[in-house]
Full PDB file with SEQRES, HELIX, SHEET, SSBOND, CRYST1, ORIGX, SCALE, CONECT and MASTER records, all heavy atoms in Angstrom:
SEQRES   1 A   39  ALA THR ARG GLN TYR TYR GLN ASP GLN LEU ASN GLN GLN          
SEQRES   2 A   39  HIS ALA THR ALA SER ARG ASN LEU LYS PHE ALA VAL ALA          
SEQRES   3 A   39  ARG SER GLY LEU ALA GLY GLY SER GLU GLN LEU ASP GLN          
HELIX    1 AA1 THR A    2  SER A   28  1                                  27    
HELIX    2 AA2 SER A   34  ASP A   38  1                                   5    
CRYST1    1.000    1.000    1.000  90.00  90.00  90.00 P 1           1          
ORIGX1      1.000000  0.000000  0.000000        0.00000                         
ORIGX2      0.000000  1.000000  0.000000        0.00000                         
ORIGX3      0.000000  0.000000  1.000000        0.00000                         
SCALE1      1.000000  0.000000  0.000000        0.00000                         
SCALE2      0.000000  1.000000  0.000000        0.00000                         
SCALE3      0.000000  0.000000  1.000000        0.00000                         
ATOM      1  N   ALA A   1      10.814  31.638  16.295  1.00  0.00           N  
ATOM      2  CA  ALA A   1      11.407  30.408  16.834  1.00  0.00           C  
ATOM      3  C   ALA A   1      10.321  29.440  17.289  1.00  0.00           C  
ATOM      4  O   ALA A   1      10.434  28.221  17.068  1.00  0.00           O  
ATOM      5  CB  ALA A   1      12.337  30.742  17.998  1.00  0.00           C  
ATOM      6  N   THR A   2       9.271  29.971  17.885  1.00  0.00           N  
ATOM      7  CA  THR A   2       8.162  29.123  18.320  1.00  0.00           C  
ATOM      8  C   THR A   2       7.480  28.492  17.116  1.00  0.00           C  
ATOM      9  O   THR A   2       7.180  27.292  17.106  1.00  0.00           O  
ATOM     10  CB  THR A   2       7.143  29.940  19.143  1.00  0.00           C  
ATOM     11  OG1 THR A   2       7.820  30.521  20.264  1.00  0.00           O  
ATOM     12  CG2 THR A   2       6.003  29.078  19.633  1.00  0.00           C  
ATOM     13  N   ARG A   3       7.243  29.298  16.081  1.00  0.00           N  
ATOM     14  CA  ARG A   3       6.625  28.790  14.855  1.00  0.00           C  
ATOM     15  C   ARG A   3       7.491  27.678  14.262  1.00  0.00           C  
ATOM     16  O   ARG A   3       6.977  26.625  13.868  1.00  0.00           O  
ATOM     17  CB  ARG A   3       6.455  29.916  13.839  1.00  0.00           C  
ATOM     18  CG  ARG A   3       5.836  29.458  12.516  1.00  0.00           C  
ATOM     19  CD  ARG A   3       5.785  30.568  11.482  1.00  0.00           C  
ATOM     20  NE  ARG A   3       5.061  31.742  11.948  1.00  0.00           N  
ATOM     21  CZ  ARG A   3       5.626  32.924  12.204  1.00  0.00           C  
ATOM     22  NH1 ARG A   3       6.931  33.106  12.042  1.00  0.00           N  
ATOM     23  NH2 ARG A   3       4.893  33.937  12.608  1.00  0.00           N  
ATOM     24  N   GLN A   4       8.801  27.889  14.187  1.00  0.00           N  
ATOM     25  CA  GLN A   4       9.703  26.895  13.605  1.00  0.00           C  
ATOM     26  C   GLN A   4       9.706  25.611  14.421  1.00  0.00           C  
ATOM     27  O   GLN A   4       9.702  24.505  13.864  1.00  0.00           O  
ATOM     28  CB  GLN A   4      11.121  27.458  13.495  1.00  0.00           C  
ATOM     29  CG  GLN A   4      12.072  26.547  12.749  1.00  0.00           C  
ATOM     30  CD  GLN A   4      11.637  26.304  11.323  1.00  0.00           C  
ATOM     31  OE1 GLN A   4      11.353  27.241  10.587  1.00  0.00           O  
ATOM     32  NE2 GLN A   4      11.571  25.056  10.910  1.00  0.00           N  
ATOM     33  N   TYR A   5       9.679  25.741  15.741  1.00  0.00           N  
ATOM     34  CA  TYR A   5       9.653  24.571  16.617  1.00  0.00           C  
ATOM     35  C   TYR A   5       8.404  23.725  16.343  1.00  0.00           C  
ATOM     36  O   TYR A   5       8.491  22.512  16.138  1.00  0.00           O  
ATOM     37  CB  TYR A   5       9.682  25.025  18.079  1.00  0.00           C  
ATOM     38  CG  TYR A   5       9.476  23.914  19.070  1.00  0.00           C  
ATOM     39  CD1 TYR A   5      10.498  23.007  19.342  1.00  0.00           C  
ATOM     40  CD2 TYR A   5       8.261  23.751  19.729  1.00  0.00           C  
ATOM     41  CE1 TYR A   5      10.313  21.975  20.250  1.00  0.00           C  
ATOM     42  CE2 TYR A   5       8.068  22.730  20.627  1.00  0.00           C  
ATOM     43  CZ  TYR A   5       9.099  21.852  20.891  1.00  0.00           C  
ATOM     44  OH  TYR A   5       8.907  20.831  21.781  1.00  0.00           O  
ATOM     45  N   TYR A   6       7.246  24.389  16.332  1.00  0.00           N  
ATOM     46  CA  TYR A   6       6.011  23.660  16.073  1.00  0.00           C  
ATOM     47  C   TYR A   6       5.973  23.101  14.655  1.00  0.00           C  
ATOM     48  O   TYR A   6       5.485  21.993  14.435  1.00  0.00           O  
ATOM     49  CB  TYR A   6       4.790  24.552  16.298  1.00  0.00           C  
ATOM     50  CG  TYR A   6       4.422  24.716  17.758  1.00  0.00           C  
ATOM     51  CD1 TYR A   6       4.301  25.977  18.318  1.00  0.00           C  
ATOM     52  CD2 TYR A   6       4.180  23.619  18.564  1.00  0.00           C  
ATOM     53  CE1 TYR A   6       3.950  26.131  19.647  1.00  0.00           C  
ATOM     54  CE2 TYR A   6       3.834  23.765  19.891  1.00  0.00           C  
ATOM     55  CZ  TYR A   6       3.716  25.022  20.425  1.00  0.00           C  
ATOM     56  OH  TYR A   6       3.369  25.181  21.736  1.00  0.00           O  
ATOM     57  N   GLN A   7       6.491  23.852  13.685  1.00  0.00           N  
ATOM     58  CA  GLN A   7       6.488  23.382  12.305  1.00  0.00           C  
ATOM     59  C   GLN A   7       7.363  22.138  12.163  1.00  0.00           C  
ATOM     60  O   GLN A   7       6.992  21.188  11.461  1.00  0.00           O  
ATOM     61  CB  GLN A   7       6.963  24.483  11.349  1.00  0.00           C  
ATOM     62  CG  GLN A   7       6.781  24.141   9.893  1.00  0.00           C  
ATOM     63  CD  GLN A   7       5.327  23.970   9.498  1.00  0.00           C  
ATOM     64  OE1 GLN A   7       4.487  24.796   9.819  1.00  0.00           O  
ATOM     65  NE2 GLN A   7       5.020  22.887   8.805  1.00  0.00           N  
ATOM     66  N   ASP A   8       8.505  22.134  12.828  1.00  0.00           N  
ATOM     67  CA  ASP A   8       9.377  20.952  12.802  1.00  0.00           C  
ATOM     68  C   ASP A   8       8.649  19.734  13.387  1.00  0.00           C  
ATOM     69  O   ASP A   8       8.733  18.627  12.838  1.00  0.00           O  
ATOM     70  CB  ASP A   8      10.665  21.203  13.580  1.00  0.00           C  
ATOM     71  CG  ASP A   8      11.597  22.176  12.887  1.00  0.00           C  
ATOM     72  OD1 ASP A   8      11.384  22.494  11.697  1.00  0.00           O  
ATOM     73  OD2 ASP A   8      12.549  22.654  13.556  1.00  0.00           O  
ATOM     74  N   GLN A   9       7.940  19.954  14.497  1.00  0.00           N  
ATOM     75  CA  GLN A   9       7.198  18.851  15.114  1.00  0.00           C  
ATOM     76  C   GLN A   9       6.083  18.359  14.192  1.00  0.00           C  
ATOM     77  O   GLN A   9       5.874  17.161  14.048  1.00  0.00           O  
ATOM     78  CB  GLN A   9       6.616  19.297  16.463  1.00  0.00           C  
ATOM     79  CG  GLN A   9       7.643  19.688  17.481  1.00  0.00           C  
ATOM     80  CD  GLN A   9       8.645  18.587  17.761  1.00  0.00           C  
ATOM     81  OE1 GLN A   9       8.274  17.420  17.948  1.00  0.00           O  
ATOM     82  NE2 GLN A   9       9.912  18.923  17.776  1.00  0.00           N  
ATOM     83  N   LEU A  10       5.386  19.306  13.569  1.00  0.00           N  
ATOM     84  CA  LEU A  10       4.316  18.942  12.636  1.00  0.00           C  
ATOM     85  C   LEU A  10       4.877  18.155  11.459  1.00  0.00           C  
ATOM     86  O   LEU A  10       4.298  17.148  11.038  1.00  0.00           O  
ATOM     87  CB  LEU A  10       3.593  20.195  12.145  1.00  0.00           C  
ATOM     88  CG  LEU A  10       2.461  19.957  11.149  1.00  0.00           C  
ATOM     89  CD1 LEU A  10       1.311  19.203  11.816  1.00  0.00           C  
ATOM     90  CD2 LEU A  10       1.978  21.285  10.577  1.00  0.00           C  
ATOM     91  N   ASN A  11       6.003  18.600  10.918  1.00  0.00           N  
ATOM     92  CA  ASN A  11       6.611  17.899   9.779  1.00  0.00           C  
ATOM     93  C   ASN A  11       7.034  16.483  10.150  1.00  0.00           C  
ATOM     94  O   ASN A  11       6.894  15.561   9.337  1.00  0.00           O  
ATOM     95  CB  ASN A  11       7.789  18.696   9.233  1.00  0.00           C  
ATOM     96  CG  ASN A  11       7.340  19.959   8.519  1.00  0.00           C  
ATOM     97  OD1 ASN A  11       6.187  20.094   8.125  1.00  0.00           O  
ATOM     98  ND2 ASN A  11       8.247  20.901   8.380  1.00  0.00           N  
ATOM     99  N   GLN A  12       7.530  16.300  11.371  1.00  0.00           N  
ATOM    100  CA  GLN A  12       7.887  14.957  11.817  1.00  0.00           C  
ATOM    101  C   GLN A  12       6.643  14.080  11.918  1.00  0.00           C  
ATOM    102  O   GLN A  12       6.649  12.916  11.480  1.00  0.00           O  
ATOM    103  CB  GLN A  12       8.600  15.002  13.172  1.00  0.00           C  
ATOM    104  CG  GLN A  12      10.011  15.499  13.092  1.00  0.00           C  
ATOM    105  CD  GLN A  12      10.665  15.564  14.463  1.00  0.00           C  
ATOM    106  OE1 GLN A  12      10.040  15.362  15.508  1.00  0.00           O  
ATOM    107  NE2 GLN A  12      11.960  15.866  14.477  1.00  0.00           N  
ATOM    108  N   GLN A  13       5.571  14.636  12.489  1.00  0.00           N  
ATOM    109  CA  GLN A  13       4.321  13.874  12.581  1.00  0.00           C  
ATOM    110  C   GLN A  13       3.789  13.544  11.190  1.00  0.00           C  
ATOM    111  O   GLN A  13       3.271  12.444  10.962  1.00  0.00           O  
ATOM    112  CB  GLN A  13       3.268  14.664  13.361  1.00  0.00           C  
ATOM    113  CG  GLN A  13       3.482  14.708  14.840  1.00  0.00           C  
ATOM    114  CD  GLN A  13       2.297  15.349  15.552  1.00  0.00           C  
ATOM    115  OE1 GLN A  13       1.177  15.347  15.058  1.00  0.00           O  
ATOM    116  NE2 GLN A  13       2.563  15.891  16.725  1.00  0.00           N  
ATOM    117  N   HIS A  14       3.889  14.497  10.275  1.00  0.00           N  
ATOM    118  CA  HIS A  14       3.394  14.284   8.909  1.00  0.00           C  
ATOM    119  C   HIS A  14       4.172  13.157   8.233  1.00  0.00           C  
ATOM    120  O   HIS A  14       3.568  12.299   7.575  1.00  0.00           O  
ATOM    121  CB  HIS A  14       3.506  15.588   8.109  1.00  0.00           C  
ATOM    122  CG  HIS A  14       3.000  15.465   6.714  1.00  0.00           C  
ATOM    123  ND1 HIS A  14       3.840  15.279   5.646  1.00  0.00           N  
ATOM    124  CD2 HIS A  14       1.740  15.476   6.214  1.00  0.00           C  
ATOM    125  CE1 HIS A  14       3.118  15.193   4.540  1.00  0.00           C  
ATOM    126  NE2 HIS A  14       1.841  15.318   4.859  1.00  0.00           N  
ATOM    127  N   ALA A  15       5.486  13.173   8.381  1.00  0.00           N  
ATOM    128  CA  ALA A  15       6.300  12.125   7.759  1.00  0.00           C  
ATOM    129  C   ALA A  15       5.929  10.752   8.311  1.00  0.00           C  
ATOM    130  O   ALA A  15       5.792   9.781   7.558  1.00  0.00           O  
ATOM    131  CB  ALA A  15       7.785  12.414   7.978  1.00  0.00           C  
ATOM    132  N   THR A  16       5.731  10.661   9.608  1.00  0.00           N  
ATOM    133  CA  THR A  16       5.353   9.396  10.232  1.00  0.00           C  
ATOM    134  C   THR A  16       3.966   8.955   9.774  1.00  0.00           C  
ATOM    135  O   THR A  16       3.765   7.792   9.407  1.00  0.00           O  
ATOM    136  CB  THR A  16       5.384   9.528  11.769  1.00  0.00           C  
ATOM    137  OG1 THR A  16       6.703   9.890  12.178  1.00  0.00           O  
ATOM    138  CG2 THR A  16       4.966   8.243  12.449  1.00  0.00           C  
ATOM    139  N   ALA A  17       3.022   9.880   9.775  1.00  0.00           N  
ATOM    140  CA  ALA A  17       1.655   9.540   9.357  1.00  0.00           C  
ATOM    141  C   ALA A  17       1.621   9.131   7.885  1.00  0.00           C  
ATOM    142  O   ALA A  17       0.915   8.195   7.510  1.00  0.00           O  
ATOM    143  CB  ALA A  17       0.724  10.722   9.603  1.00  0.00           C  
ATOM    144  N   SER A  18       2.383   9.814   7.048  1.00  0.00           N  
ATOM    145  CA  SER A  18       2.434   9.486   5.625  1.00  0.00           C  
ATOM    146  C   SER A  18       2.998   8.084   5.422  1.00  0.00           C  
ATOM    147  O   SER A  18       2.457   7.291   4.632  1.00  0.00           O  
ATOM    148  CB  SER A  18       3.281  10.523   4.895  1.00  0.00           C  
ATOM    149  OG  SER A  18       3.305  10.271   3.523  1.00  0.00           O  
ATOM    150  N   ARG A  19       4.057   7.781   6.131  1.00  0.00           N  
ATOM    151  CA  ARG A  19       4.668   6.445   6.038  1.00  0.00           C  
ATOM    152  C   ARG A  19       3.693   5.381   6.547  1.00  0.00           C  
ATOM    153  O   ARG A  19       3.502   4.336   5.912  1.00  0.00           O  
ATOM    154  CB  ARG A  19       5.975   6.431   6.832  1.00  0.00           C  
ATOM    155  CG  ARG A  19       6.766   5.162   6.714  1.00  0.00           C  
ATOM    156  CD  ARG A  19       8.130   5.251   7.401  1.00  0.00           C  
ATOM    157  NE  ARG A  19       8.083   5.818   8.746  1.00  0.00           N  
ATOM    158  CZ  ARG A  19       8.487   7.054   9.071  1.00  0.00           C  
ATOM    159  NH1 ARG A  19       8.953   7.875   8.158  1.00  0.00           N  
ATOM    160  NH2 ARG A  19       8.427   7.479  10.316  1.00  0.00           N  
ATOM    161  N   ASN A  20       3.050   5.662   7.684  1.00  0.00           N  
ATOM    162  CA  ASN A  20       2.087   4.706   8.241  1.00  0.00           C  
ATOM    163  C   ASN A  20       0.916   4.483   7.289  1.00  0.00           C  
ATOM    164  O   ASN A  20       0.437   3.353   7.138  1.00  0.00           O  
ATOM    165  CB  ASN A  20       1.577   5.187   9.596  1.00  0.00           C  
ATOM    166  CG  ASN A  20       2.616   5.060  10.684  1.00  0.00           C  
ATOM    167  OD1 ASN A  20       3.593   4.323  10.552  1.00  0.00           O  
ATOM    168  ND2 ASN A  20       2.421   5.793  11.767  1.00  0.00           N  
ATOM    169  N   LEU A  21       0.459   5.561   6.666  1.00  0.00           N  
ATOM    170  CA  LEU A  21      -0.652   5.440   5.718  1.00  0.00           C  
ATOM    171  C   LEU A  21      -0.247   4.581   4.525  1.00  0.00           C  
ATOM    172  O   LEU A  21      -0.998   3.705   4.090  1.00  0.00           O  
ATOM    173  CB  LEU A  21      -1.105   6.824   5.248  1.00  0.00           C  
ATOM    174  CG  LEU A  21      -2.202   6.842   4.194  1.00  0.00           C  
ATOM    175  CD1 LEU A  21      -3.464   6.166   4.717  1.00  0.00           C  
ATOM    176  CD2 LEU A  21      -2.494   8.275   3.753  1.00  0.00           C  
ATOM    177  N   LYS A  22       0.939   4.820   4.016  1.00  0.00           N  
ATOM    178  CA  LYS A  22       1.425   4.064   2.858  1.00  0.00           C  
ATOM    179  C   LYS A  22       1.438   2.560   3.165  1.00  0.00           C  
ATOM    180  O   LYS A  22       0.946   1.754   2.376  1.00  0.00           O  
ATOM    181  CB  LYS A  22       2.827   4.552   2.497  1.00  0.00           C  
ATOM    182  CG  LYS A  22       3.451   3.850   1.331  1.00  0.00           C  
ATOM    183  CD  LYS A  22       4.837   4.423   1.060  1.00  0.00           C  
ATOM    184  CE  LYS A  22       5.524   3.735  -0.088  1.00  0.00           C  
ATOM    185  NZ  LYS A  22       6.849   4.299  -0.362  1.00  0.00           N  
ATOM    186  N   PHE A  23       1.966   2.194   4.314  1.00  0.00           N  
ATOM    187  CA  PHE A  23       2.047   0.783   4.672  1.00  0.00           C  
ATOM    188  C   PHE A  23       0.675   0.209   5.018  1.00  0.00           C  
ATOM    189  O   PHE A  23       0.372  -0.936   4.674  1.00  0.00           O  
ATOM    190  CB  PHE A  23       3.029   0.566   5.821  1.00  0.00           C  
ATOM    191  CG  PHE A  23       4.459   0.730   5.402  1.00  0.00           C  
ATOM    192  CD1 PHE A  23       5.247   1.705   5.969  1.00  0.00           C  
ATOM    193  CD2 PHE A  23       5.015  -0.065   4.414  1.00  0.00           C  
ATOM    194  CE1 PHE A  23       6.564   1.878   5.579  1.00  0.00           C  
ATOM    195  CE2 PHE A  23       6.332   0.088   4.004  1.00  0.00           C  
ATOM    196  CZ  PHE A  23       7.109   1.065   4.595  1.00  0.00           C  
ATOM    197  N   ALA A  24      -0.176   0.986   5.666  1.00  0.00           N  
ATOM    198  CA  ALA A  24      -1.509   0.496   6.032  1.00  0.00           C  
ATOM    199  C   ALA A  24      -2.340   0.228   4.783  1.00  0.00           C  
ATOM    200  O   ALA A  24      -3.047  -0.786   4.707  1.00  0.00           O  
ATOM    201  CB  ALA A  24      -2.208   1.511   6.936  1.00  0.00           C  
ATOM    202  N   VAL A  25      -2.259   1.118   3.816  1.00  0.00           N  
ATOM    203  CA  VAL A  25      -3.012   0.942   2.570  1.00  0.00           C  
ATOM    204  C   VAL A  25      -2.494  -0.284   1.817  1.00  0.00           C  
ATOM    205  O   VAL A  25      -3.277  -1.101   1.317  1.00  0.00           O  
ATOM    206  CB  VAL A  25      -2.942   2.223   1.709  1.00  0.00           C  
ATOM    207  CG1 VAL A  25      -3.445   1.983   0.312  1.00  0.00           C  
ATOM    208  CG2 VAL A  25      -3.730   3.346   2.366  1.00  0.00           C  
ATOM    209  N   ALA A  26      -1.196  -0.420   1.749  1.00  0.00           N  
ATOM    210  CA  ALA A  26      -0.619  -1.571   1.047  1.00  0.00           C  
ATOM    211  C   ALA A  26      -0.963  -2.879   1.772  1.00  0.00           C  
ATOM    212  O   ALA A  26      -1.336  -3.871   1.132  1.00  0.00           O  
ATOM    213  CB  ALA A  26       0.889  -1.408   0.939  1.00  0.00           C  
ATOM    214  N   ARG A  27      -0.866  -2.861   3.099  1.00  0.00           N  
ATOM    215  CA  ARG A  27      -1.137  -4.061   3.884  1.00  0.00           C  
ATOM    216  C   ARG A  27      -2.594  -4.514   3.753  1.00  0.00           C  
ATOM    217  O   ARG A  27      -2.890  -5.694   3.742  1.00  0.00           O  
ATOM    218  CB  ARG A  27      -0.785  -3.780   5.353  1.00  0.00           C  
ATOM    219  CG  ARG A  27      -0.913  -4.960   6.275  1.00  0.00           C  
ATOM    220  CD  ARG A  27      -0.428  -4.694   7.713  1.00  0.00           C  
ATOM    221  NE  ARG A  27      -1.018  -3.483   8.289  1.00  0.00           N  
ATOM    222  CZ  ARG A  27      -0.349  -2.355   8.564  1.00  0.00           C  
ATOM    223  NH1 ARG A  27       0.938  -2.270   8.311  1.00  0.00           N  
ATOM    224  NH2 ARG A  27      -0.953  -1.323   9.090  1.00  0.00           N  
ATOM    225  N   SER A  28      -3.490  -3.543   3.632  1.00  0.00           N  
ATOM    226  CA  SER A  28      -4.911  -3.886   3.550  1.00  0.00           C  
ATOM    227  C   SER A  28      -5.371  -4.148   2.126  1.00  0.00           C  
ATOM    228  O   SER A  28      -6.540  -4.479   1.897  1.00  0.00           O  
ATOM    229  CB  SER A  28      -5.751  -2.768   4.158  1.00  0.00           C  
ATOM    230  OG  SER A  28      -5.598  -1.582   3.396  1.00  0.00           O  
ATOM    231  N   GLY A  29      -4.479  -3.990   1.136  1.00  0.00           N  
ATOM    232  CA  GLY A  29      -4.842  -4.256  -0.256  1.00  0.00           C  
ATOM    233  C   GLY A  29      -5.658  -3.131  -0.881  1.00  0.00           C  
ATOM    234  O   GLY A  29      -6.335  -3.349  -1.882  1.00  0.00           O  
ATOM    235  N   LEU A  30      -5.578  -1.937  -0.316  1.00  0.00           N  
ATOM    236  CA  LEU A  30      -6.356  -0.809  -0.818  1.00  0.00           C  
ATOM    237  C   LEU A  30      -5.529   0.152  -1.664  1.00  0.00           C  
ATOM    238  O   LEU A  30      -6.020   1.212  -2.046  1.00  0.00           O  
ATOM    239  CB  LEU A  30      -6.982  -0.036   0.362  1.00  0.00           C  
ATOM    240  CG  LEU A  30      -7.940  -0.830   1.243  1.00  0.00           C  
ATOM    241  CD1 LEU A  30      -8.324  -0.013   2.470  1.00  0.00           C  
ATOM    242  CD2 LEU A  30      -9.168  -1.229   0.449  1.00  0.00           C  
ATOM    243  N   ALA A  31      -4.307  -0.244  -1.975  1.00  0.00           N  
ATOM    244  CA  ALA A  31      -3.426   0.637  -2.740  1.00  0.00           C  
ATOM    245  C   ALA A  31      -4.021   0.938  -4.106  1.00  0.00           C  
ATOM    246  O   ALA A  31      -4.502   0.047  -4.799  1.00  0.00           O  
ATOM    247  CB  ALA A  31      -2.046   0.013  -2.888  1.00  0.00           C  
ATOM    248  N   GLY A  32      -4.012   2.210  -4.464  1.00  0.00           N  
ATOM    249  CA  GLY A  32      -4.503   2.622  -5.767  1.00  0.00           C  
ATOM    250  C   GLY A  32      -6.011   2.820  -5.829  1.00  0.00           C  
ATOM    251  O   GLY A  32      -6.539   3.244  -6.847  1.00  0.00           O  
ATOM    252  N   GLY A  33      -6.693   2.531  -4.742  1.00  0.00           N  
ATOM    253  CA  GLY A  33      -8.148   2.644  -4.743  1.00  0.00           C  
ATOM    254  C   GLY A  33      -8.639   3.967  -4.178  1.00  0.00           C  
ATOM    255  O   GLY A  33      -7.869   4.851  -3.795  1.00  0.00           O  
ATOM    256  N   SER A  34      -9.941   4.075  -4.126  1.00  0.00           N  
ATOM    257  CA  SER A  34     -10.545   5.319  -3.637  1.00  0.00           C  
ATOM    258  C   SER A  34     -10.277   5.528  -2.152  1.00  0.00           C  
ATOM    259  O   SER A  34     -10.185   6.663  -1.694  1.00  0.00           O  
ATOM    260  CB  SER A  34     -12.050   5.317  -3.908  1.00  0.00           C  
ATOM    261  OG  SER A  34     -12.684   4.271  -3.210  1.00  0.00           O  
ATOM    262  N   GLU A  35     -10.150   4.447  -1.398  1.00  0.00           N  
ATOM    263  CA  GLU A  35      -9.856   4.587   0.035  1.00  0.00           C  
ATOM    264  C   GLU A  35      -8.485   5.222   0.241  1.00  0.00           C  
ATOM    265  O   GLU A  35      -8.323   6.069   1.121  1.00  0.00           O  
ATOM    266  CB  GLU A  35      -9.918   3.223   0.734  1.00  0.00           C  
ATOM    267  CG  GLU A  35      -9.693   3.296   2.238  1.00  0.00           C  
ATOM    268  CD  GLU A  35     -10.793   4.060   2.977  1.00  0.00           C  
ATOM    269  OE1 GLU A  35     -11.940   4.111   2.483  1.00  0.00           O  
ATOM    270  OE2 GLU A  35     -10.502   4.617   4.043  1.00  0.00           O  
ATOM    271  N   GLN A  36      -7.529   4.840  -0.573  1.00  0.00           N  
ATOM    272  CA  GLN A  36      -6.203   5.458  -0.470  1.00  0.00           C  
ATOM    273  C   GLN A  36      -6.298   6.958  -0.777  1.00  0.00           C  
ATOM    274  O   GLN A  36      -5.714   7.775  -0.081  1.00  0.00           O  
ATOM    275  CB  GLN A  36      -5.202   4.801  -1.417  1.00  0.00           C  
ATOM    276  CG  GLN A  36      -3.820   5.442  -1.321  1.00  0.00           C  
ATOM    277  CD  GLN A  36      -2.822   4.831  -2.297  1.00  0.00           C  
ATOM    278  OE1 GLN A  36      -3.178   4.054  -3.165  1.00  0.00           O  
ATOM    279  NE2 GLN A  36      -1.569   5.214  -2.137  1.00  0.00           N  
ATOM    280  N   LEU A  37      -7.045   7.294  -1.805  1.00  0.00           N  
ATOM    281  CA  LEU A  37      -7.214   8.701  -2.171  1.00  0.00           C  
ATOM    282  C   LEU A  37      -7.909   9.477  -1.055  1.00  0.00           C  
ATOM    283  O   LEU A  37      -7.499  10.584  -0.705  1.00  0.00           O  
ATOM    284  CB  LEU A  37      -8.011   8.803  -3.474  1.00  0.00           C  
ATOM    285  CG  LEU A  37      -8.209  10.209  -4.033  1.00  0.00           C  
ATOM    286  CD1 LEU A  37      -6.870  10.866  -4.342  1.00  0.00           C  
ATOM    287  CD2 LEU A  37      -9.066  10.146  -5.284  1.00  0.00           C  
ATOM    288  N   ASP A  38      -8.948   8.872  -0.479  1.00  0.00           N  
ATOM    289  CA  ASP A  38      -9.656   9.526   0.627  1.00  0.00           C  
ATOM    290  C   ASP A  38      -8.732   9.753   1.823  1.00  0.00           C  
ATOM    291  O   ASP A  38      -8.737  10.830   2.430  1.00  0.00           O  
ATOM    292  CB  ASP A  38     -10.864   8.691   1.077  1.00  0.00           C  
ATOM    293  CG  ASP A  38     -11.985   8.680   0.057  1.00  0.00           C  
ATOM    294  OD1 ASP A  38     -11.971   9.535  -0.864  1.00  0.00           O  
ATOM    295  OD2 ASP A  38     -12.871   7.797   0.177  1.00  0.00           O  
ATOM    296  N   GLN A  39      -7.953   8.754   2.146  1.00  0.00           N  
ATOM    297  CA  GLN A  39      -7.042   8.875   3.289  1.00  0.00           C  
ATOM    298  C   GLN A  39      -5.931   9.884   3.007  1.00  0.00           C  
ATOM    299  O   GLN A  39      -5.513  10.628   3.905  1.00  0.00           O  
ATOM    300  CB  GLN A  39      -6.457   7.509   3.658  1.00  0.00           C  
ATOM    301  CG  GLN A  39      -7.461   6.543   4.232  1.00  0.00           C  
ATOM    302  CD  GLN A  39      -8.103   7.055   5.503  1.00  0.00           C  
ATOM    303  OE1 GLN A  39      -7.451   7.633   6.367  1.00  0.00           O  
ATOM    304  NE2 GLN A  39      -9.411   6.851   5.622  1.00  0.00           N  
TER     305      GLN A  39                                                      
MASTER        0    0    0    2    0    0    0    6  304    1    0    3          
END                                                                             
């Protein structure tokens, strides 16, 4: 149960970070470039 609780929290953070990364890369004009791949 503890593992599942932390995993759920991690997955929520991952979804938020992934979404933020997608928009940050697009906003900065780095979409499709090496910086996007690095991030």
